[in-house]
Amino acid sequence: MVGALHGVNVATGTSTANAVIDLLGGGAALGLAAAMATGRLQTESDPHSPSQDSRMVRRLRDPSLTLAAGVGVATHLPGLFYLLGLNAIAATDPGLAAGAIDALIFNAIWFSTPVGSLVLSVRRPSDTRRALARLNAWVRRYERAAVAIFLAGVGAYFATKGAVNLLG
C-alpha cells in the first residue's frame, strides 16, 4: 500500500487540509475524553450508569441506515488508527524498500497482541483463560479512566500537530 501511495498524501493531498483534519480529529478525541471522564458518556459495564436506557441507546436499538453507518465509522477507532499509521509512513515519502520495511515493522507491532494471544490460547488455554479473566476484571475496574486518558493523549497529540502545522 505504501508503495502504491508513494509520494501521495493519503488523507487529502494538501498539508493545510491534513492539519485541519488533525486539529478536528484531535478536538473530537479530546471531547470524547472529557465526556468519558465526567460521566456524560457511559459504558455498558459502568456500575454508576443509570438503569434506564439513554436516548442514544434507544435510538441505536433500531437505527436508520445513516445512523448505523455513522456509528460504525465512529466506533471503529482501531481501523482509523491503523490507517493513520499507514498515512504517517506514506507522508514521510519513503522509498519503495524503506516504505515496505516501515509497513512490515508497523504491522508486526500492530498485530503482535492478537497473534500473541492466539499462540498463548492454543499452547496454554487454561492459563490464558485465567489471565484474561484477571485482565478483564482490571479493565472493568479502570475502564472509564483508561479510555479517557487514552483519548486525551491521542486527542492532544493530533490537536497539537494540527495546530502547529496550521501555524507553521
Protein backbone atom coordinates (compact mmCIF):
# COMPACT_ATOMS: atom_id res chain seq x y z
CA MET A 1 0.00 0.00 0.00
CA VAL A 2 2.80 2.42 0.90
CA GLY A 3 4.44 1.68 -2.46
CA ALA A 4 1.22 2.34 -4.32
CA LEU A 5 0.77 5.61 -2.46
CA HIS A 6 4.41 6.63 -2.73
CA GLY A 7 4.51 10.41 -2.76
CA VAL A 8 0.76 10.74 -2.18
CA ASN A 9 -0.56 12.31 0.97
CA VAL A 10 -3.33 9.82 1.68
CA ALA A 11 -5.69 11.92 3.78
CA THR A 12 -6.38 14.78 1.41
CA GLY A 13 -3.35 15.78 -0.59
CA THR A 14 -2.70 19.19 1.00
CA SER A 15 -0.83 19.96 4.18
CA THR A 16 -3.39 22.60 5.22
CA ALA A 17 -6.27 20.17 4.85
CA ASN A 18 -4.32 17.50 6.75
CA ALA A 19 -3.63 19.99 9.53
CA VAL A 20 -7.34 20.85 9.76
CA ILE A 21 -8.25 17.14 9.82
CA ASP A 22 -5.67 16.53 12.57
CA LEU A 23 -6.99 19.50 14.55
CA LEU A 24 -10.65 18.46 14.19
CA GLY A 25 -9.92 14.79 14.93
CA GLY A 26 -7.83 15.75 17.94
CA GLY A 27 -10.58 18.04 19.18
CA ALA A 28 -13.15 15.27 18.77
CA ALA A 29 -10.96 12.84 20.73
CA LEU A 30 -10.48 15.45 23.47
CA GLY A 31 -14.25 15.96 23.60
CA LEU A 32 -14.83 12.23 23.92
CA ALA A 33 -12.17 12.06 26.65
CA ALA A 34 -13.92 14.84 28.58
CA ALA A 35 -17.30 13.14 28.15
CA MET A 36 -15.86 9.86 29.37
CA ALA A 37 -14.06 11.44 32.33
CA THR A 38 -17.11 13.39 33.50
CA GLY A 39 -19.53 10.50 33.11
CA ARG A 40 -21.54 12.05 30.28
CA LEU A 41 -20.52 9.12 28.09
CA GLN A 42 -21.19 5.90 29.94
CA THR A 43 -20.24 2.35 29.18
CA GLU A 44 -22.45 -0.68 29.46
CA SER A 45 -20.33 -2.14 32.28
CA ASP A 46 -20.28 1.11 34.28
CA PRO A 47 -21.75 0.45 37.76
CA HIS A 48 -22.71 4.14 38.05
CA SER A 49 -24.69 4.01 34.82
CA PRO A 50 -28.40 4.63 35.31
CA SER A 51 -30.55 1.54 34.85
CA GLN A 52 -32.81 3.36 32.40
CA ASP A 53 -31.61 3.38 28.79
CA SER A 54 -30.42 6.72 27.49
CA ARG A 55 -31.97 8.34 24.44
CA MET A 56 -28.89 7.35 22.43
CA VAL A 57 -29.21 3.69 23.42
CA ARG A 58 -32.90 3.68 22.48
CA ARG A 59 -32.07 5.16 19.03
CA LEU A 60 -29.32 2.61 18.48
CA ARG A 61 -31.67 -0.31 19.16
CA ASP A 62 -33.44 0.39 15.85
CA PRO A 63 -31.05 2.59 13.86
CA SER A 64 -31.57 4.10 10.45
CA LEU A 65 -29.09 3.19 7.72
CA THR A 66 -27.39 6.58 8.03
CA LEU A 67 -27.10 6.32 11.81
CA ALA A 68 -25.75 2.76 11.59
CA ALA A 69 -23.12 3.82 9.05
CA GLY A 70 -22.07 6.82 11.13
CA VAL A 71 -21.86 4.82 14.34
CA GLY A 72 -19.90 2.10 12.55
CA VAL A 73 -17.28 4.58 11.40
CA ALA A 74 -17.20 6.42 14.73
CA THR A 75 -16.76 3.25 16.77
CA HIS A 76 -14.06 1.66 14.64
CA LEU A 77 -11.13 3.52 16.16
CA PRO A 78 -8.63 0.68 15.66
CA GLY A 79 -9.19 0.81 11.90
CA LEU A 80 -8.81 4.59 11.96
CA PHE A 81 -5.57 4.39 13.94
CA TYR A 82 -4.27 1.72 11.57
CA LEU A 83 -4.93 3.97 8.56
CA LEU A 84 -3.40 6.95 10.36
CA GLY A 85 -0.28 4.88 10.97
CA LEU A 86 -0.01 3.93 7.31
CA ASN A 87 -0.66 7.54 6.36
CA ALA A 88 2.16 8.65 8.65
CA ILE A 89 4.51 6.21 6.91
CA ALA A 90 3.43 7.38 3.46
CA ALA A 91 3.68 11.05 4.47
CA THR A 92 7.42 10.66 5.21
CA ASP A 93 7.86 9.98 1.49
CA PRO A 94 9.96 6.82 1.92
CA GLY A 95 11.43 4.96 -0.99
CA LEU A 96 9.77 1.72 -2.00
CA ALA A 97 12.10 -0.50 0.05
CA ALA A 98 12.06 1.76 3.11
CA GLY A 99 8.27 2.09 2.90
CA ALA A 100 7.86 -1.68 2.71
CA ILE A 101 10.16 -2.20 5.69
CA ASP A 102 8.35 0.53 7.68
CA ALA A 103 4.99 -1.07 6.85
CA LEU A 104 6.26 -4.53 7.85
CA ILE A 105 7.56 -3.22 11.18
CA PHE A 106 4.33 -1.31 11.77
CA ASN A 107 2.25 -4.42 11.02
CA ALA A 108 4.46 -6.61 13.23
CA ILE A 109 3.85 -4.23 16.13
CA TRP A 110 0.15 -3.77 15.29
CA PHE A 111 -0.63 -7.49 15.09
CA SER A 112 1.71 -8.68 17.89
CA THR A 113 -1.01 -8.63 20.56
CA PRO A 114 -3.64 -10.67 18.66
CA VAL A 115 -1.05 -13.13 17.35
CA GLY A 116 0.48 -13.50 20.82
CA SER A 117 -2.98 -14.05 22.29
CA LEU A 118 -3.74 -16.71 19.71
CA VAL A 119 -0.47 -18.53 20.36
CA LEU A 120 -1.00 -18.43 24.12
CA SER A 121 -4.61 -19.61 23.86
CA VAL A 122 -3.54 -22.60 21.74
CA ARG A 123 -0.47 -23.52 23.82
CA ARG A 124 -1.84 -22.82 27.32
CA PRO A 125 -5.61 -22.43 27.21
CA SER A 126 -6.35 -22.65 30.94
CA ASP A 127 -3.56 -20.22 31.91
CA THR A 128 -4.70 -17.85 29.18
CA ARG A 129 -8.30 -18.04 30.35
CA ARG A 130 -7.27 -17.15 33.93
CA ALA A 131 -5.04 -14.30 32.76
CA LEU A 132 -7.82 -12.92 30.57
CA ALA A 133 -10.27 -13.10 33.48
CA ARG A 134 -7.84 -11.05 35.63
CA LEU A 135 -7.25 -8.58 32.79
CA ASN A 136 -10.99 -8.26 32.15
CA ALA A 137 -11.64 -7.53 35.84
CA TRP A 138 -8.91 -4.85 35.83
CA VAL A 139 -10.26 -3.27 32.64
CA ARG A 140 -13.79 -3.14 34.02
CA ARG A 141 -12.50 -1.51 37.20
CA TYR A 142 -10.47 1.18 35.40
CA GLU A 143 -12.30 1.37 32.06
CA ARG A 144 -13.50 4.96 32.29
CA ALA A 145 -10.14 6.36 33.36
CA ALA A 146 -8.15 4.27 30.87
CA VAL A 147 -10.32 5.25 27.91
CA ALA A 148 -10.38 8.91 28.95
CA ILE A 149 -6.58 9.03 29.35
CA PHE A 150 -6.01 7.25 26.04
CA LEU A 151 -8.40 9.53 24.14
CA ALA A 152 -6.93 12.61 25.83
CA GLY A 153 -3.41 11.58 24.81
CA VAL A 154 -4.37 10.85 21.21
CA GLY A 155 -6.50 13.99 21.03
CA ALA A 156 -3.77 16.21 22.46
CA TYR A 157 -1.24 14.78 20.01
CA PHE A 158 -3.38 15.30 16.90
CA ALA A 159 -4.77 18.69 18.01
CA THR A 160 -1.24 19.94 18.74
CA LYS A 161 0.10 18.50 15.49
CA GLY A 162 -2.73 20.13 13.51
CA ALA A 163 -2.33 23.49 15.23
CA VAL A 164 1.44 23.53 14.77
CA ASN A 165 1.10 22.62 11.08
CA LEU A 166 -1.56 25.30 10.55
CA LEU A 167 0.50 27.97 12.27
CA GLY A 168 3.83 26.85 10.81
